[in-house]
Amino acid sequence: MAFRFGGIGRKGQGMALETVFKILILLVTVAVIIGLIFNFSDQIKNQITGFINQLLGKNQGIPQFPRTVEKQSFTSGEIASYIETCYTAMTSLPETEQKDISCFILVGTSFQSQGILDRVSPTIKDHVTITSNFNRGVVIIDFVDLGNKITVR
């Protein structure tokens, strides 16, 4: 007495299951690749743009820091302007080109320290740390790449 079970052992069923798994693996692979492209699209674009500019010999406008500014006195508005200039210049660079750097070295006899943070734009204010007591005659404005922070010391 021979028993036959409905579909077990038929010739086409193994291939169909194998094909389904291949298609599933292919779809997962495509989804991962698309996800990587979306996550790193800015970096990919910056790398390609940098490569093309390098081939064409174009300067990307990397800021020349540190800059030393010597004046008799600095107002809080001027100091805030230097802070914003440093932050904007460094964060506009591709992430791979950003680095810890001293942007400005302010040399003077008096510094108006009251209200500096009030004059900095609200989007930058959370990224600024002031550690200077403004009585040495020199104030240094640094960009710290980790967290895109500005330190005034």
N, C-alpha and C. Protein backbone atom coordinates (compact mmCIF):
# COMPACT_ATOMS: atom_id res chain seq x y z
N MET A 1 0.84 -1.15 0.00
CA MET A 1 0.00 0.00 0.00
C MET A 1 0.90 1.23 0.00
N ALA A 2 0.75 2.03 -0.98
CA ALA A 2 1.56 3.23 -1.10
C ALA A 2 0.72 4.45 -0.72
N PHE A 3 1.31 5.26 0.13
CA PHE A 3 0.63 6.50 0.52
C PHE A 3 1.24 7.65 -0.25
N ARG A 4 0.37 8.47 -0.71
CA ARG A 4 0.84 9.68 -1.37
C ARG A 4 0.31 10.88 -0.62
N PHE A 5 1.20 11.75 -0.25
CA PHE A 5 0.78 12.97 0.42
C PHE A 5 0.66 14.05 -0.63
N GLY A 6 -0.35 14.91 -0.46
CA GLY A 6 -0.74 15.93 -1.42
C GLY A 6 0.37 16.55 -2.23
N GLY A 7 1.25 17.27 -1.66
CA GLY A 7 2.19 17.97 -2.49
C GLY A 7 3.62 17.71 -2.11
N ILE A 8 3.85 16.92 -1.10
CA ILE A 8 5.22 16.72 -0.66
C ILE A 8 5.97 15.91 -1.69
N GLY A 9 7.08 16.39 -2.04
CA GLY A 9 7.92 15.68 -2.97
C GLY A 9 7.68 16.04 -4.42
N ARG A 10 6.80 16.92 -4.68
CA ARG A 10 6.60 17.32 -6.07
C ARG A 10 7.81 18.10 -6.56
N LYS A 11 8.02 18.06 -7.79
CA LYS A 11 9.23 18.62 -8.37
C LYS A 11 9.31 20.15 -8.29
N GLY A 12 8.31 20.93 -8.44
CA GLY A 12 8.36 22.38 -8.51
C GLY A 12 8.30 23.10 -7.18
N GLN A 13 7.92 22.40 -6.09
CA GLN A 13 7.73 23.10 -4.83
C GLN A 13 9.03 23.57 -4.20
N GLY A 14 10.06 22.82 -4.24
CA GLY A 14 11.33 23.23 -3.66
C GLY A 14 11.89 24.47 -4.34
N MET A 15 11.75 24.55 -5.61
CA MET A 15 12.23 25.71 -6.35
C MET A 15 11.43 26.96 -6.00
N ALA A 16 10.14 26.79 -5.82
CA ALA A 16 9.31 27.96 -5.52
C ALA A 16 9.71 28.54 -4.17
N LEU A 17 9.94 27.72 -3.17
CA LEU A 17 10.34 28.20 -1.86
C LEU A 17 11.73 28.83 -1.91
N GLU A 18 12.62 28.22 -2.67
CA GLU A 18 13.96 28.76 -2.83
C GLU A 18 13.90 30.12 -3.53
N THR A 19 13.07 30.26 -4.52
CA THR A 19 12.92 31.51 -5.25
C THR A 19 12.36 32.60 -4.34
N VAL A 20 11.40 32.26 -3.49
CA VAL A 20 10.83 33.23 -2.56
C VAL A 20 11.91 33.75 -1.62
N PHE A 21 12.76 32.85 -1.09
CA PHE A 21 13.83 33.29 -0.20
C PHE A 21 14.85 34.15 -0.92
N LYS A 22 15.16 33.83 -2.16
CA LYS A 22 16.11 34.65 -2.93
C LYS A 22 15.55 36.05 -3.14
N ILE A 23 14.28 36.12 -3.49
CA ILE A 23 13.65 37.43 -3.70
C ILE A 23 13.60 38.22 -2.40
N LEU A 24 13.31 37.54 -1.30
CA LEU A 24 13.28 38.20 0.01
C LEU A 24 14.66 38.74 0.38
N ILE A 25 15.68 37.97 0.18
CA ILE A 25 17.06 38.43 0.46
C ILE A 25 17.41 39.60 -0.43
N LEU A 26 17.03 39.54 -1.69
CA LEU A 26 17.29 40.64 -2.62
C LEU A 26 16.58 41.92 -2.17
N LEU A 27 15.33 41.82 -1.75
CA LEU A 27 14.59 43.00 -1.29
C LEU A 27 15.21 43.60 -0.03
N VAL A 28 15.64 42.78 0.91
CA VAL A 28 16.29 43.27 2.12
C VAL A 28 17.59 43.97 1.76
N THR A 29 18.36 43.39 0.86
CA THR A 29 19.62 44.00 0.43
C THR A 29 19.37 45.36 -0.21
N VAL A 30 18.40 45.46 -1.09
CA VAL A 30 18.08 46.74 -1.74
C VAL A 30 17.64 47.76 -0.69
N ALA A 31 16.83 47.35 0.28
CA ALA A 31 16.38 48.28 1.33
C ALA A 31 17.55 48.79 2.16
N VAL A 32 18.50 47.92 2.47
CA VAL A 32 19.68 48.34 3.25
C VAL A 32 20.52 49.33 2.45
N ILE A 33 20.73 49.05 1.17
CA ILE A 33 21.53 49.95 0.33
C ILE A 33 20.85 51.31 0.20
N ILE A 34 19.55 51.33 -0.02
CA ILE A 34 18.83 52.61 -0.12
C ILE A 34 18.91 53.37 1.21
N GLY A 35 18.78 52.66 2.32
CA GLY A 35 18.91 53.30 3.63
C GLY A 35 20.28 53.91 3.83
N LEU A 36 21.33 53.21 3.42
CA LEU A 36 22.70 53.75 3.54
C LEU A 36 22.87 55.00 2.68
N ILE A 37 22.33 54.97 1.48
CA ILE A 37 22.45 56.14 0.60
C ILE A 37 21.74 57.34 1.22
N PHE A 38 20.54 57.14 1.77
CA PHE A 38 19.83 58.25 2.41
C PHE A 38 20.58 58.77 3.63
N ASN A 39 21.13 57.88 4.44
CA ASN A 39 21.85 58.30 5.65
C ASN A 39 23.12 59.07 5.34
N PHE A 40 23.82 58.67 4.31
CA PHE A 40 25.12 59.26 4.03
C PHE A 40 25.12 60.12 2.77
N SER A 41 23.96 60.55 2.30
CA SER A 41 23.90 61.30 1.05
C SER A 41 24.65 62.63 1.13
N ASP A 42 24.58 63.33 2.26
CA ASP A 42 25.31 64.59 2.39
C ASP A 42 26.81 64.36 2.31
N GLN A 43 27.28 63.34 2.99
CA GLN A 43 28.72 63.04 2.96
C GLN A 43 29.16 62.61 1.57
N ILE A 44 28.34 61.82 0.91
CA ILE A 44 28.67 61.39 -0.45
C ILE A 44 28.73 62.61 -1.37
N LYS A 45 27.73 63.50 -1.25
CA LYS A 45 27.70 64.70 -2.08
C LYS A 45 28.92 65.58 -1.81
N ASN A 46 29.29 65.75 -0.52
CA ASN A 46 30.45 66.57 -0.18
C ASN A 46 31.73 65.97 -0.72
N GLN A 47 31.86 64.64 -0.65
CA GLN A 47 33.06 63.99 -1.18
C GLN A 47 33.16 64.17 -2.69
N ILE A 48 32.05 64.01 -3.40
CA ILE A 48 32.07 64.16 -4.85
C ILE A 48 32.36 65.61 -5.23
N THR A 49 31.70 66.55 -4.54
CA THR A 49 31.94 67.97 -4.82
C THR A 49 33.39 68.34 -4.54
N GLY A 50 33.93 67.85 -3.42
CA GLY A 50 35.32 68.13 -3.10
C GLY A 50 36.28 67.55 -4.13
N PHE A 51 35.99 66.35 -4.60
CA PHE A 51 36.83 65.72 -5.61
C PHE A 51 36.79 66.51 -6.92
N ILE A 52 35.59 66.92 -7.34
CA ILE A 52 35.46 67.70 -8.58
C ILE A 52 36.17 69.04 -8.45
N ASN A 53 36.00 69.72 -7.29
CA ASN A 53 36.68 71.00 -7.09
C ASN A 53 38.18 70.83 -7.08
N GLN A 54 38.65 69.72 -6.54
CA GLN A 54 40.09 69.45 -6.51
C GLN A 54 40.60 69.23 -7.93
N LEU A 55 39.83 68.52 -8.75
CA LEU A 55 40.23 68.30 -10.14
C LEU A 55 40.27 69.61 -10.93
N LEU A 56 39.29 70.48 -10.65
CA LEU A 56 39.22 71.75 -11.37
C LEU A 56 40.13 72.81 -10.78
N GLY A 57 40.73 72.52 -9.62
CA GLY A 57 41.64 73.48 -8.99
C GLY A 57 40.94 74.61 -8.28
N LYS A 58 39.70 74.42 -7.91
CA LYS A 58 38.96 75.46 -7.21
C LYS A 58 39.25 75.39 -5.72
N ASN A 59 39.42 76.55 -5.10
CA ASN A 59 39.56 76.63 -3.65
C ASN A 59 38.16 76.61 -3.05
N GLN A 60 37.95 75.77 -2.07
CA GLN A 60 36.62 75.66 -1.48
C GLN A 60 36.31 76.75 -0.47
N GLY A 61 37.19 77.69 -0.31
CA GLY A 61 36.92 78.78 0.61
C GLY A 61 37.08 78.39 2.06
N ILE A 62 38.04 77.52 2.33
CA ILE A 62 38.29 77.13 3.71
C ILE A 62 38.82 78.36 4.45
N PRO A 63 38.18 78.71 5.57
CA PRO A 63 38.58 79.92 6.27
C PRO A 63 40.01 79.83 6.80
N GLN A 64 40.68 80.96 6.77
CA GLN A 64 42.05 81.04 7.25
C GLN A 64 42.04 81.47 8.71
N PHE A 65 42.09 80.50 9.60
CA PHE A 65 42.10 80.76 11.03
C PHE A 65 43.40 80.25 11.60
N PRO A 66 43.87 80.81 12.69
CA PRO A 66 43.29 81.87 13.51
C PRO A 66 43.60 83.26 12.95
N ARG A 67 42.72 84.18 13.25
CA ARG A 67 42.91 85.58 12.89
C ARG A 67 43.11 86.37 14.17
N THR A 68 44.11 87.20 14.17
CA THR A 68 44.38 88.05 15.33
C THR A 68 43.82 89.44 15.05
N VAL A 69 43.02 89.94 15.99
CA VAL A 69 42.42 91.27 15.86
C VAL A 69 42.89 92.09 17.05
N GLU A 70 43.58 93.19 16.76
CA GLU A 70 44.08 94.07 17.83
C GLU A 70 43.32 95.39 17.79
N LYS A 71 42.71 95.74 18.92
CA LYS A 71 41.99 97.00 19.08
C LYS A 71 42.15 97.46 20.52
N GLN A 72 41.85 98.70 20.75
CA GLN A 72 41.89 99.22 22.12
C GLN A 72 40.83 98.56 22.98
N SER A 73 39.59 98.47 22.44
CA SER A 73 38.50 97.88 23.20
C SER A 73 37.56 97.14 22.26
N PHE A 74 36.86 96.15 22.84
CA PHE A 74 35.89 95.36 22.10
C PHE A 74 34.54 95.44 22.81
N THR A 75 33.48 95.71 22.04
CA THR A 75 32.14 95.73 22.62
C THR A 75 31.58 94.31 22.64
N SER A 76 30.52 94.11 23.39
CA SER A 76 29.89 92.79 23.43
C SER A 76 29.32 92.41 22.06
N GLY A 77 28.85 93.39 21.31
CA GLY A 77 28.34 93.13 19.96
C GLY A 77 29.43 92.65 19.02
N GLU A 78 30.62 93.24 19.13
CA GLU A 78 31.73 92.81 18.29
C GLU A 78 32.16 91.38 18.64
N ILE A 79 32.23 91.09 19.92
CA ILE A 79 32.61 89.75 20.36
C ILE A 79 31.57 88.73 19.88
N ALA A 80 30.29 89.08 19.98
CA ALA A 80 29.22 88.20 19.51
C ALA A 80 29.34 87.98 18.00
N SER A 81 29.71 89.01 17.28
CA SER A 81 29.88 88.89 15.83
C SER A 81 31.02 87.94 15.48
N TYR A 82 32.12 88.02 16.22
CA TYR A 82 33.24 87.10 16.00
C TYR A 82 32.82 85.66 16.33
N ILE A 83 32.03 85.49 17.36
CA ILE A 83 31.54 84.15 17.73
C ILE A 83 30.69 83.58 16.60
N GLU A 84 29.77 84.37 16.07
CA GLU A 84 28.89 83.90 14.99
C GLU A 84 29.68 83.62 13.72
N THR A 85 30.66 84.46 13.42
CA THR A 85 31.48 84.25 12.23
C THR A 85 32.24 82.93 12.33
N CYS A 86 32.81 82.66 13.48
CA CYS A 86 33.54 81.42 13.70
C CYS A 86 32.61 80.22 13.54
N TYR A 87 31.48 80.28 14.21
CA TYR A 87 30.53 79.16 14.18
C TYR A 87 30.03 78.90 12.75
N THR A 88 29.63 79.96 12.07
CA THR A 88 29.09 79.83 10.73
C THR A 88 30.14 79.30 9.75
N ALA A 89 31.36 79.84 9.84
CA ALA A 89 32.42 79.42 8.92
C ALA A 89 32.76 77.95 9.10
N MET A 90 32.85 77.50 10.34
CA MET A 90 33.27 76.12 10.58
C MET A 90 32.14 75.12 10.34
N THR A 91 30.91 75.46 10.70
CA THR A 91 29.81 74.50 10.48
C THR A 91 29.37 74.45 9.02
N SER A 92 29.78 75.42 8.21
CA SER A 92 29.44 75.37 6.79
C SER A 92 30.36 74.43 6.03
N LEU A 93 31.47 74.06 6.65
CA LEU A 93 32.38 73.11 6.02
C LEU A 93 31.80 71.70 6.11
N PRO A 94 32.19 70.82 5.20
CA PRO A 94 31.78 69.42 5.34
C PRO A 94 32.30 68.86 6.67
N GLU A 95 31.58 67.93 7.23
CA GLU A 95 31.94 67.37 8.54
C GLU A 95 33.36 66.82 8.56
N THR A 96 33.81 66.29 7.44
CA THR A 96 35.16 65.71 7.39
C THR A 96 36.25 66.78 7.46
N GLU A 97 35.92 68.03 7.14
CA GLU A 97 36.91 69.10 7.17
C GLU A 97 36.84 69.93 8.44
N GLN A 98 35.83 69.74 9.26
CA GLN A 98 35.73 70.48 10.51
C GLN A 98 36.76 69.94 11.50
N LYS A 99 37.33 70.85 12.27
CA LYS A 99 38.32 70.45 13.26
C LYS A 99 38.34 71.47 14.39
N ASP A 100 38.96 71.06 15.51
CA ASP A 100 39.14 71.99 16.63
C ASP A 100 40.14 73.05 16.19
N ILE A 101 39.75 74.31 16.35
CA ILE A 101 40.62 75.38 15.89
C ILE A 101 40.32 76.66 16.66
N SER A 102 41.34 77.48 16.84
CA SER A 102 41.14 78.83 17.38
C SER A 102 40.81 79.72 16.19
N CYS A 103 39.63 80.33 16.23
CA CYS A 103 39.21 81.18 15.12
C CYS A 103 39.76 82.59 15.24
N PHE A 104 39.54 83.18 16.41
CA PHE A 104 39.94 84.58 16.61
C PHE A 104 40.72 84.73 17.90
N ILE A 105 41.75 85.56 17.84
CA ILE A 105 42.50 85.97 19.02
C ILE A 105 42.31 87.48 19.12
N LEU A 106 41.53 87.89 20.10
CA LEU A 106 41.23 89.31 20.28
C LEU A 106 42.20 89.88 21.30
N VAL A 107 42.95 90.89 20.89
CA VAL A 107 43.93 91.52 21.77
C VAL A 107 43.50 92.97 22.00
N GLY A 108 43.29 93.35 23.26
CA GLY A 108 42.87 94.69 23.58
C GLY A 108 43.03 94.97 25.06
N THR A 109 42.74 96.19 25.45
CA THR A 109 42.87 96.54 26.87
C THR A 109 41.55 96.44 27.62
N SER A 110 40.43 96.54 26.90
CA SER A 110 39.15 96.40 27.60
C SER A 110 38.17 95.62 26.74
N PHE A 111 37.38 94.79 27.44
CA PHE A 111 36.38 93.96 26.78
C PHE A 111 35.05 94.15 27.51
N GLN A 112 34.02 94.49 26.76
CA GLN A 112 32.68 94.61 27.35
C GLN A 112 32.08 93.20 27.35
N SER A 113 32.01 92.60 28.53
CA SER A 113 31.58 91.20 28.61
C SER A 113 30.09 91.05 28.91
N GLN A 114 29.44 92.10 29.33
CA GLN A 114 28.01 92.00 29.65
C GLN A 114 27.17 91.90 28.39
N GLY A 115 26.31 90.90 28.33
CA GLY A 115 25.35 90.79 27.24
C GLY A 115 25.86 90.16 25.96
N ILE A 116 26.99 89.47 26.01
CA ILE A 116 27.50 88.84 24.79
C ILE A 116 26.50 87.79 24.29
N LEU A 117 26.05 86.93 25.19
CA LEU A 117 25.13 85.87 24.78
C LEU A 117 23.78 86.42 24.32
N ASP A 118 23.41 87.60 24.82
CA ASP A 118 22.15 88.21 24.37
C ASP A 118 22.24 88.67 22.92
N ARG A 119 23.44 88.95 22.46
CA ARG A 119 23.64 89.44 21.10
C ARG A 119 23.92 88.34 20.09
N VAL A 120 24.13 87.11 20.59
CA VAL A 120 24.35 85.97 19.70
C VAL A 120 22.99 85.44 19.28
N SER A 121 22.88 85.00 18.03
CA SER A 121 21.58 84.51 17.55
C SER A 121 21.13 83.29 18.37
N PRO A 122 19.83 83.14 18.55
CA PRO A 122 19.30 82.06 19.39
C PRO A 122 19.70 80.65 18.93
N THR A 123 19.92 80.47 17.65
CA THR A 123 20.30 79.13 17.17
C THR A 123 21.72 78.76 17.58
N ILE A 124 22.55 79.74 17.81
CA ILE A 124 23.95 79.49 18.17
C ILE A 124 24.15 79.53 19.68
N LYS A 125 23.30 80.25 20.38
CA LYS A 125 23.48 80.51 21.81
C LYS A 125 23.73 79.24 22.63
N ASP A 126 23.04 78.15 22.32
CA ASP A 126 23.21 76.91 23.08
C ASP A 126 24.57 76.25 22.83
N HIS A 127 25.27 76.70 21.79
CA HIS A 127 26.56 76.11 21.45
C HIS A 127 27.74 76.94 21.96
N VAL A 128 27.47 77.99 22.72
CA VAL A 128 28.53 78.90 23.17
C VAL A 128 28.78 78.74 24.66
N THR A 129 30.06 78.60 25.01
CA THR A 129 30.47 78.54 26.41
C THR A 129 31.51 79.64 26.63
N ILE A 130 31.27 80.49 27.63
CA ILE A 130 32.21 81.57 27.94
C ILE A 130 32.91 81.23 29.25
N THR A 131 34.23 81.06 29.18
CA THR A 131 35.02 80.76 30.37
C THR A 131 35.97 81.91 30.74
N SER A 132 36.08 82.88 29.87
CA SER A 132 37.00 83.99 30.11
C SER A 132 36.42 84.96 31.14
N ASN A 133 37.32 85.57 31.92
CA ASN A 133 36.87 86.62 32.83
C ASN A 133 37.16 88.00 32.24
N PHE A 134 37.70 88.04 31.02
CA PHE A 134 37.90 89.25 30.23
C PHE A 134 38.81 90.28 30.91
N ASN A 135 39.76 89.85 31.71
CA ASN A 135 40.66 90.82 32.34
C ASN A 135 42.13 90.58 32.01
N ARG A 136 42.42 89.72 31.05
CA ARG A 136 43.81 89.42 30.71
C ARG A 136 44.35 90.26 29.56
N GLY A 137 43.49 90.82 28.74
CA GLY A 137 43.96 91.56 27.56
C GLY A 137 43.91 90.71 26.30
N VAL A 138 43.63 89.42 26.46
CA VAL A 138 43.53 88.52 25.30
C VAL A 138 42.30 87.63 25.49
N VAL A 139 41.48 87.54 24.46
CA VAL A 139 40.33 86.64 24.46
C VAL A 139 40.45 85.77 23.21
N ILE A 140 40.31 84.47 23.42
CA ILE A 140 40.44 83.53 22.30
C ILE A 140 39.08 82.87 22.07
N ILE A 141 38.67 82.85 20.82
CA ILE A 141 37.41 82.22 20.43
C ILE A 141 37.76 80.94 19.67
N ASP A 142 37.40 79.79 20.27
CA ASP A 142 37.73 78.48 19.72
C ASP A 142 36.49 77.79 19.19
N PHE A 143 36.67 76.99 18.13
CA PHE A 143 35.63 76.08 17.65
C PHE A 143 36.03 74.68 18.07
N VAL A 144 35.10 73.96 18.71
CA VAL A 144 35.33 72.58 19.12
C VAL A 144 34.43 71.70 18.26
N ASP A 145 35.06 70.83 17.47
CA ASP A 145 34.32 70.01 16.50
C ASP A 145 33.31 69.09 17.16
N LEU A 146 33.66 68.50 18.28
CA LEU A 146 32.75 67.58 18.96
C LEU A 146 31.57 68.37 19.52
N GLY A 147 30.44 68.26 18.89
CA GLY A 147 29.25 69.00 19.31
C GLY A 147 29.10 70.36 18.68
N ASN A 148 30.04 70.73 17.79
CA ASN A 148 30.02 72.05 17.14
C ASN A 148 29.83 73.16 18.16
N LYS A 149 30.75 73.30 19.08
CA LYS A 149 30.65 74.27 20.16
C LYS A 149 31.68 75.38 19.97
N ILE A 150 31.35 76.54 20.51
CA ILE A 150 32.26 77.68 20.54
C ILE A 150 32.63 77.91 22.00
N THR A 151 33.93 78.04 22.26
CA THR A 151 34.42 78.36 23.59
C THR A 151 35.13 79.70 23.54
N VAL A 152 34.73 80.60 24.43
CA VAL A 152 35.38 81.90 24.55
C VAL A 152 36.19 81.84 25.83
N ARG A 153 37.51 81.91 25.67
CA ARG A 153 38.39 81.79 26.84
C ARG A 153 39.39 82.93 26.90
